[in-house]
Amino acid sequence: MVEVIDAVRFEWAAVAEWGVVFALVGLSLIWAANDYAAAVGRGRAEQQASQLANSPTAVLYSERRLGIGAPGVREVRCRDTKSAYPFRYEGLTLLMESANQYVLLPQEWTTSTGVAIVLPRTDSVRIEFVPFSARATLGRVTC
């Protein structure tokens, strides 16, 4: 009888040991995948930040003043008082569009002064994209 009880205890101990081993291996794999994803994300973010100066410019037109005060972003009030979009913002780059929102970065974005502007995609805002080669003509554009 004692031998049967010892055999059952041994089986449960072996199952418990393997369960702990599988749990530790599983957690280690999840941890490694998380570290890998974080490293890839940092690398892609650094790559995108280094290419920001050569990216197309996003010119933002708005029905009302947005008060974007990010470094390098210029607000221009249109002379035409009947303009549908009397406010223009220059010096922005589109980072991404997701879930009906635009994520814009200033062209002078840095890790120390970096801000991101998140705008909902609405009819009160219009965005035009200007190629890098035509950036110099922006100052001559009127609303």
N, C-alpha and C. Protein backbone atom coordinates (compact mmCIF):
# COMPACT_ATOMS: atom_id res chain seq x y z
N MET A 1 0.81 -1.19 0.00
CA MET A 1 0.00 0.00 0.00
C MET A 1 0.86 1.27 0.00
N VAL A 2 1.93 1.23 0.78
CA VAL A 2 2.84 2.36 0.86
C VAL A 2 3.52 2.59 -0.50
N GLU A 3 3.83 1.49 -1.18
CA GLU A 3 4.47 1.61 -2.49
C GLU A 3 3.54 2.27 -3.50
N VAL A 4 2.26 1.99 -3.45
CA VAL A 4 1.27 2.58 -4.36
C VAL A 4 1.16 4.08 -4.10
N ILE A 5 1.13 4.46 -2.83
CA ILE A 5 1.04 5.89 -2.47
C ILE A 5 2.31 6.61 -2.93
N ASP A 6 3.48 5.99 -2.73
CA ASP A 6 4.73 6.60 -3.18
C ASP A 6 4.77 6.74 -4.70
N ALA A 7 4.23 5.76 -5.42
CA ALA A 7 4.20 5.82 -6.88
C ALA A 7 3.29 6.96 -7.35
N VAL A 8 2.15 7.13 -6.70
CA VAL A 8 1.22 8.22 -7.06
C VAL A 8 1.86 9.57 -6.76
N ARG A 9 2.54 9.67 -5.62
CA ARG A 9 3.23 10.93 -5.28
C ARG A 9 4.32 11.24 -6.29
N PHE A 10 5.04 10.23 -6.72
CA PHE A 10 6.11 10.41 -7.71
C PHE A 10 5.53 10.90 -9.04
N GLU A 11 4.40 10.33 -9.46
CA GLU A 11 3.77 10.76 -10.71
C GLU A 11 3.33 12.23 -10.62
N TRP A 12 2.71 12.60 -9.51
CA TRP A 12 2.27 13.99 -9.34
C TRP A 12 3.47 14.94 -9.27
N ALA A 13 4.53 14.53 -8.64
CA ALA A 13 5.73 15.35 -8.56
C ALA A 13 6.34 15.55 -9.94
N ALA A 14 6.36 14.48 -10.75
CA ALA A 14 6.90 14.58 -12.10
C ALA A 14 6.04 15.50 -12.95
N VAL A 15 4.72 15.38 -12.85
CA VAL A 15 3.80 16.25 -13.60
C VAL A 15 3.99 17.70 -13.17
N ALA A 16 4.11 17.92 -11.85
CA ALA A 16 4.30 19.28 -11.34
C ALA A 16 5.62 19.87 -11.82
N GLU A 17 6.68 19.07 -11.81
CA GLU A 17 7.98 19.55 -12.28
C GLU A 17 7.91 19.94 -13.75
N TRP A 18 7.31 19.08 -14.57
CA TRP A 18 7.20 19.41 -16.00
C TRP A 18 6.31 20.63 -16.22
N GLY A 19 5.28 20.76 -15.43
CA GLY A 19 4.41 21.93 -15.54
C GLY A 19 5.17 23.22 -15.25
N VAL A 20 6.00 23.19 -14.21
CA VAL A 20 6.81 24.36 -13.86
C VAL A 20 7.83 24.65 -14.97
N VAL A 21 8.44 23.60 -15.50
CA VAL A 21 9.41 23.79 -16.59
C VAL A 21 8.74 24.42 -17.81
N PHE A 22 7.58 23.89 -18.21
CA PHE A 22 6.86 24.45 -19.36
C PHE A 22 6.45 25.89 -19.11
N ALA A 23 5.99 26.19 -17.89
CA ALA A 23 5.59 27.56 -17.57
C ALA A 23 6.79 28.51 -17.65
N LEU A 24 7.93 28.10 -17.11
CA LEU A 24 9.13 28.94 -17.17
C LEU A 24 9.61 29.14 -18.60
N VAL A 25 9.59 28.08 -19.40
CA VAL A 25 10.00 28.20 -20.80
C VAL A 25 9.02 29.11 -21.55
N GLY A 26 7.73 28.95 -21.32
CA GLY A 26 6.73 29.81 -21.97
C GLY A 26 6.91 31.27 -21.60
N LEU A 27 7.09 31.55 -20.32
CA LEU A 27 7.32 32.93 -19.89
C LEU A 27 8.61 33.50 -20.47
N SER A 28 9.63 32.68 -20.56
CA SER A 28 10.89 33.14 -21.14
C SER A 28 10.72 33.49 -22.61
N LEU A 29 9.95 32.68 -23.33
CA LEU A 29 9.70 32.98 -24.75
C LEU A 29 8.91 34.27 -24.92
N ILE A 30 7.92 34.47 -24.08
CA ILE A 30 7.15 35.72 -24.14
C ILE A 30 8.04 36.91 -23.83
N TRP A 31 8.89 36.79 -22.84
CA TRP A 31 9.81 37.86 -22.47
C TRP A 31 10.77 38.16 -23.62
N ALA A 32 11.31 37.12 -24.24
CA ALA A 32 12.23 37.31 -25.36
C ALA A 32 11.53 37.96 -26.54
N ALA A 33 10.30 37.56 -26.83
CA ALA A 33 9.54 38.17 -27.93
C ALA A 33 9.26 39.64 -27.64
N ASN A 34 8.96 39.96 -26.40
CA ASN A 34 8.73 41.35 -26.01
C ASN A 34 9.99 42.19 -26.19
N ASP A 35 11.13 41.67 -25.74
CA ASP A 35 12.39 42.39 -25.91
C ASP A 35 12.73 42.59 -27.38
N TYR A 36 12.50 41.58 -28.19
CA TYR A 36 12.77 41.68 -29.63
C TYR A 36 11.86 42.72 -30.28
N ALA A 37 10.57 42.71 -29.95
CA ALA A 37 9.63 43.68 -30.52
C ALA A 37 10.01 45.10 -30.11
N ALA A 38 10.41 45.29 -28.87
CA ALA A 38 10.82 46.62 -28.41
C ALA A 38 12.06 47.10 -29.15
N ALA A 39 13.02 46.22 -29.37
CA ALA A 39 14.25 46.60 -30.09
C ALA A 39 13.93 46.94 -31.55
N VAL A 40 13.09 46.15 -32.19
CA VAL A 40 12.71 46.44 -33.58
C VAL A 40 11.95 47.76 -33.66
N GLY A 41 11.06 48.00 -32.72
CA GLY A 41 10.30 49.25 -32.69
C GLY A 41 11.20 50.46 -32.50
N ARG A 42 12.17 50.36 -31.59
CA ARG A 42 13.12 51.47 -31.40
C ARG A 42 13.94 51.71 -32.66
N GLY A 43 14.37 50.64 -33.30
CA GLY A 43 15.16 50.77 -34.53
C GLY A 43 14.37 51.43 -35.65
N ARG A 44 13.12 51.03 -35.81
CA ARG A 44 12.28 51.65 -36.85
C ARG A 44 11.97 53.10 -36.52
N ALA A 45 11.75 53.40 -35.25
CA ALA A 45 11.50 54.79 -34.86
C ALA A 45 12.72 55.66 -35.12
N GLU A 46 13.91 55.16 -34.81
CA GLU A 46 15.14 55.92 -35.09
C GLU A 46 15.33 56.12 -36.58
N GLN A 47 15.04 55.11 -37.37
CA GLN A 47 15.16 55.22 -38.82
C GLN A 47 14.18 56.25 -39.36
N GLN A 48 12.94 56.22 -38.90
CA GLN A 48 11.95 57.18 -39.37
C GLN A 48 12.31 58.59 -38.93
N ALA A 49 12.82 58.76 -37.72
CA ALA A 49 13.22 60.08 -37.24
C ALA A 49 14.38 60.63 -38.05
N SER A 50 15.30 59.77 -38.47
CA SER A 50 16.44 60.25 -39.27
C SER A 50 16.02 60.65 -40.67
N GLN A 51 14.93 60.12 -41.18
CA GLN A 51 14.46 60.44 -42.52
C GLN A 51 13.38 61.53 -42.52
N LEU A 52 13.06 62.05 -41.36
CA LEU A 52 11.98 63.03 -41.24
C LEU A 52 12.25 64.30 -42.04
N ALA A 53 13.49 64.77 -42.06
CA ALA A 53 13.83 66.00 -42.77
C ALA A 53 13.63 65.87 -44.28
N ASN A 54 13.70 64.67 -44.82
CA ASN A 54 13.54 64.45 -46.25
C ASN A 54 12.15 63.97 -46.64
N SER A 55 11.25 63.89 -45.68
CA SER A 55 9.90 63.42 -45.94
C SER A 55 9.05 64.53 -46.55
N PRO A 56 7.98 64.16 -47.24
CA PRO A 56 7.08 65.19 -47.78
C PRO A 56 6.48 66.04 -46.67
N THR A 57 6.28 67.29 -46.99
CA THR A 57 5.70 68.22 -46.04
C THR A 57 4.19 68.08 -46.04
N ALA A 58 3.60 68.15 -44.87
CA ALA A 58 2.15 68.16 -44.74
C ALA A 58 1.73 69.59 -44.43
N VAL A 59 0.95 70.18 -45.33
CA VAL A 59 0.42 71.52 -45.11
C VAL A 59 -1.01 71.35 -44.62
N LEU A 60 -1.26 71.85 -43.44
CA LEU A 60 -2.54 71.66 -42.77
C LEU A 60 -3.37 72.93 -42.91
N TYR A 61 -4.57 72.80 -43.41
CA TYR A 61 -5.52 73.90 -43.50
C TYR A 61 -6.65 73.62 -42.53
N SER A 62 -7.09 74.67 -41.82
CA SER A 62 -8.12 74.46 -40.81
C SER A 62 -9.14 75.59 -40.84
N GLU A 63 -10.38 75.24 -40.49
CA GLU A 63 -11.45 76.24 -40.41
C GLU A 63 -11.24 77.18 -39.23
N ARG A 64 -10.59 76.69 -38.20
CA ARG A 64 -10.36 77.52 -37.01
C ARG A 64 -8.92 77.39 -36.55
N ARG A 65 -8.53 78.34 -35.73
CA ARG A 65 -7.16 78.35 -35.22
C ARG A 65 -6.94 77.15 -34.31
N LEU A 66 -5.87 76.40 -34.57
CA LEU A 66 -5.58 75.21 -33.78
C LEU A 66 -4.56 75.47 -32.68
N GLY A 67 -3.79 76.54 -32.81
CA GLY A 67 -2.83 76.89 -31.77
C GLY A 67 -1.69 75.89 -31.64
N ILE A 68 -1.21 75.40 -32.75
CA ILE A 68 -0.09 74.46 -32.70
C ILE A 68 1.18 75.27 -32.46
N GLY A 69 1.82 75.06 -31.34
CA GLY A 69 3.00 75.81 -30.98
C GLY A 69 4.27 74.99 -30.98
N ALA A 70 4.31 73.96 -31.78
CA ALA A 70 5.49 73.09 -31.81
C ALA A 70 6.65 73.80 -32.50
N PRO A 71 7.89 73.48 -32.12
CA PRO A 71 9.06 74.11 -32.74
C PRO A 71 9.09 73.88 -34.26
N GLY A 72 9.26 74.98 -35.01
CA GLY A 72 9.36 74.89 -36.46
C GLY A 72 8.04 74.90 -37.20
N VAL A 73 6.92 74.88 -36.48
CA VAL A 73 5.61 74.92 -37.12
C VAL A 73 5.17 76.37 -37.22
N ARG A 74 4.78 76.77 -38.41
CA ARG A 74 4.40 78.16 -38.66
C ARG A 74 2.92 78.24 -38.97
N GLU A 75 2.23 79.13 -38.27
CA GLU A 75 0.81 79.38 -38.53
C GLU A 75 0.70 80.60 -39.44
N VAL A 76 -0.06 80.46 -40.51
CA VAL A 76 -0.27 81.56 -41.45
C VAL A 76 -1.77 81.84 -41.51
N ARG A 77 -2.13 83.08 -41.26
CA ARG A 77 -3.54 83.51 -41.37
C ARG A 77 -3.76 83.96 -42.81
N CYS A 78 -4.72 83.34 -43.48
CA CYS A 78 -4.99 83.67 -44.87
C CYS A 78 -5.59 85.07 -44.99
N ARG A 79 -5.22 85.75 -46.06
CA ARG A 79 -5.71 87.12 -46.28
C ARG A 79 -7.17 87.14 -46.69
N ASP A 80 -7.60 86.12 -47.40
CA ASP A 80 -8.98 86.05 -47.87
C ASP A 80 -9.89 85.72 -46.70
N THR A 81 -10.73 86.66 -46.30
CA THR A 81 -11.61 86.47 -45.14
C THR A 81 -12.74 85.48 -45.43
N LYS A 82 -12.99 85.19 -46.71
CA LYS A 82 -14.06 84.25 -47.08
C LYS A 82 -13.52 82.85 -47.34
N SER A 83 -12.27 82.62 -47.05
CA SER A 83 -11.65 81.31 -47.28
C SER A 83 -12.31 80.26 -46.38
N ALA A 84 -12.54 79.09 -46.94
CA ALA A 84 -13.13 78.00 -46.15
C ALA A 84 -12.17 77.52 -45.07
N TYR A 85 -10.89 77.65 -45.33
CA TYR A 85 -9.85 77.23 -44.38
C TYR A 85 -8.90 78.41 -44.16
N PRO A 86 -9.23 79.33 -43.27
CA PRO A 86 -8.42 80.55 -43.12
C PRO A 86 -7.09 80.37 -42.39
N PHE A 87 -6.83 79.22 -41.81
CA PHE A 87 -5.58 79.01 -41.10
C PHE A 87 -4.78 77.91 -41.79
N ARG A 88 -3.50 78.21 -42.01
CA ARG A 88 -2.60 77.24 -42.64
C ARG A 88 -1.43 77.00 -41.70
N TYR A 89 -1.02 75.74 -41.58
CA TYR A 89 0.11 75.36 -40.74
C TYR A 89 1.14 74.66 -41.60
N GLU A 90 2.36 75.17 -41.53
CA GLU A 90 3.48 74.62 -42.31
C GLU A 90 4.53 74.09 -41.35
N GLY A 91 5.39 73.21 -41.88
CA GLY A 91 6.48 72.65 -41.08
C GLY A 91 6.11 71.34 -40.42
N LEU A 92 5.11 70.66 -40.96
CA LEU A 92 4.67 69.39 -40.40
C LEU A 92 4.92 68.25 -41.38
N THR A 93 5.04 67.06 -40.85
CA THR A 93 5.18 65.84 -41.64
C THR A 93 4.19 64.82 -41.11
N LEU A 94 3.51 64.13 -42.02
CA LEU A 94 2.58 63.09 -41.59
C LEU A 94 3.36 61.86 -41.17
N LEU A 95 3.17 61.45 -39.95
CA LEU A 95 3.81 60.23 -39.47
C LEU A 95 2.96 59.02 -39.82
N MET A 96 1.66 59.14 -39.52
CA MET A 96 0.75 58.04 -39.83
C MET A 96 -0.69 58.51 -39.77
N GLU A 97 -1.56 57.74 -40.39
CA GLU A 97 -3.00 57.96 -40.30
C GLU A 97 -3.60 56.64 -39.84
N SER A 98 -4.31 56.70 -38.73
CA SER A 98 -4.86 55.47 -38.17
C SER A 98 -6.12 55.80 -37.39
N ALA A 99 -7.10 54.94 -37.50
CA ALA A 99 -8.35 55.08 -36.74
C ALA A 99 -8.96 56.47 -36.92
N ASN A 100 -8.96 56.96 -38.16
CA ASN A 100 -9.50 58.28 -38.49
C ASN A 100 -8.84 59.42 -37.72
N GLN A 101 -7.55 59.26 -37.46
CA GLN A 101 -6.76 60.32 -36.84
C GLN A 101 -5.45 60.46 -37.59
N TYR A 102 -4.98 61.70 -37.70
CA TYR A 102 -3.67 61.97 -38.29
C TYR A 102 -2.68 62.17 -37.15
N VAL A 103 -1.51 61.60 -37.29
CA VAL A 103 -0.42 61.85 -36.35
C VAL A 103 0.65 62.60 -37.13
N LEU A 104 0.86 63.86 -36.76
CA LEU A 104 1.81 64.75 -37.44
C LEU A 104 2.97 65.07 -36.52
N LEU A 105 4.15 65.20 -37.12
CA LEU A 105 5.34 65.61 -36.38
C LEU A 105 5.89 66.88 -37.00
N PRO A 106 6.44 67.77 -36.18
CA PRO A 106 7.15 68.91 -36.75
C PRO A 106 8.38 68.42 -37.52
N GLN A 107 8.73 69.11 -38.60
CA GLN A 107 9.90 68.71 -39.37
C GLN A 107 11.18 68.85 -38.58
N GLU A 108 11.19 69.70 -37.59
CA GLU A 108 12.35 69.89 -36.74
C GLU A 108 12.27 69.02 -35.48
N TRP A 109 11.55 67.94 -35.56
CA TRP A 109 11.34 67.06 -34.42
C TRP A 109 12.65 66.46 -33.95
N THR A 110 12.85 66.46 -32.65
CA THR A 110 13.98 65.77 -32.02
C THR A 110 13.46 65.00 -30.82
N THR A 111 14.27 64.11 -30.32
CA THR A 111 13.84 63.34 -29.15
C THR A 111 13.70 64.20 -27.91
N SER A 112 14.45 65.30 -27.84
CA SER A 112 14.37 66.14 -26.64
C SER A 112 13.25 67.17 -26.72
N THR A 113 12.91 67.65 -27.91
CA THR A 113 11.84 68.66 -28.03
C THR A 113 10.64 68.10 -28.77
N GLY A 114 10.61 66.82 -28.96
CA GLY A 114 9.60 66.20 -29.81
C GLY A 114 8.20 66.21 -29.23
N VAL A 115 7.28 66.66 -30.03
CA VAL A 115 5.86 66.56 -29.72
C VAL A 115 5.20 65.94 -30.94
N ALA A 116 4.12 65.28 -30.71
CA ALA A 116 3.31 64.73 -31.79
C ALA A 116 1.95 65.40 -31.73
N ILE A 117 1.42 65.74 -32.89
CA ILE A 117 0.12 66.36 -32.97
C ILE A 117 -0.84 65.31 -33.50
N VAL A 118 -1.88 65.05 -32.75
CA VAL A 118 -2.90 64.08 -33.15
C VAL A 118 -4.17 64.85 -33.47
N LEU A 119 -4.61 64.74 -34.72
CA LEU A 119 -5.81 65.44 -35.18
C LEU A 119 -6.85 64.44 -35.65
N PRO A 120 -8.09 64.65 -35.26
CA PRO A 120 -9.14 63.78 -35.80
C PRO A 120 -9.38 64.10 -37.28
N ARG A 121 -9.71 63.11 -38.03
CA ARG A 121 -9.99 63.30 -39.46
C ARG A 121 -11.41 63.83 -39.59
N THR A 122 -11.52 65.13 -39.88
CA THR A 122 -12.82 65.78 -40.00
C THR A 122 -12.83 66.66 -41.24
N ASP A 123 -14.01 67.17 -41.58
CA ASP A 123 -14.15 68.08 -42.71
C ASP A 123 -13.62 69.47 -42.38
N SER A 124 -13.37 69.77 -41.12
CA SER A 124 -12.87 71.09 -40.74
C SER A 124 -11.36 71.21 -40.92
N VAL A 125 -10.72 70.11 -41.30
CA VAL A 125 -9.27 70.11 -41.51
C VAL A 125 -8.98 69.48 -42.87
N ARG A 126 -8.07 70.10 -43.60
CA ARG A 126 -7.63 69.56 -44.89
C ARG A 126 -6.11 69.49 -44.87
N ILE A 127 -5.55 68.41 -45.38
CA ILE A 127 -4.10 68.26 -45.42
C ILE A 127 -3.66 68.08 -46.86
N GLU A 128 -2.65 68.84 -47.26
CA GLU A 128 -2.02 68.69 -48.57
C GLU A 128 -0.57 68.27 -48.34
N PHE A 129 -0.10 67.44 -49.24
CA PHE A 129 1.28 66.97 -49.13
C PHE A 129 2.11 67.58 -50.24
N VAL A 130 3.25 68.13 -49.84
CA VAL A 130 4.16 68.79 -50.77
C VAL A 130 5.44 67.97 -50.82
N PRO A 131 5.89 67.58 -52.02
CA PRO A 131 7.14 66.81 -52.11
C PRO A 131 8.31 67.59 -51.53
N PHE A 132 9.30 66.86 -51.07
CA PHE A 132 10.48 67.48 -50.48
C PHE A 132 11.11 68.48 -51.45
N SER A 133 11.14 68.16 -52.73
CA SER A 133 11.79 69.03 -53.73
C SER A 133 11.05 70.35 -53.90
N ALA A 134 9.76 70.43 -53.56
CA ALA A 134 8.98 71.66 -53.74
C ALA A 134 8.78 72.42 -52.43
N ARG A 135 9.48 72.04 -51.40
CA ARG A 135 9.32 72.68 -50.09
C ARG A 135 9.63 74.17 -50.11
N ALA A 136 10.55 74.59 -50.95
CA ALA A 136 10.95 76.00 -51.00
C ALA A 136 9.83 76.90 -51.49
N THR A 137 8.86 76.37 -52.21
CA THR A 137 7.76 77.19 -52.75
C THR A 137 6.66 77.45 -51.73
N LEU A 138 6.72 76.85 -50.57
CA LEU A 138 5.64 76.99 -49.59
C LEU A 138 5.42 78.42 -49.14
N GLY A 139 6.45 79.19 -48.97
CA GLY A 139 6.31 80.56 -48.49
C GLY A 139 5.57 81.46 -49.47
N ARG A 140 5.52 81.09 -50.72
CA ARG A 140 4.86 81.90 -51.74
C ARG A 140 3.41 81.51 -51.98
N VAL A 141 2.95 80.44 -51.34
CA VAL A 141 1.60 79.98 -51.54
C VAL A 141 0.66 80.82 -50.70
N THR A 142 -0.46 81.23 -51.30
CA THR A 142 -1.47 81.97 -50.54
C THR A 142 -2.69 81.09 -50.37
N CYS A 143 -3.48 81.43 -49.39
CA CYS A 143 -4.68 80.61 -49.09
C CYS A 143 -5.80 80.94 -50.05
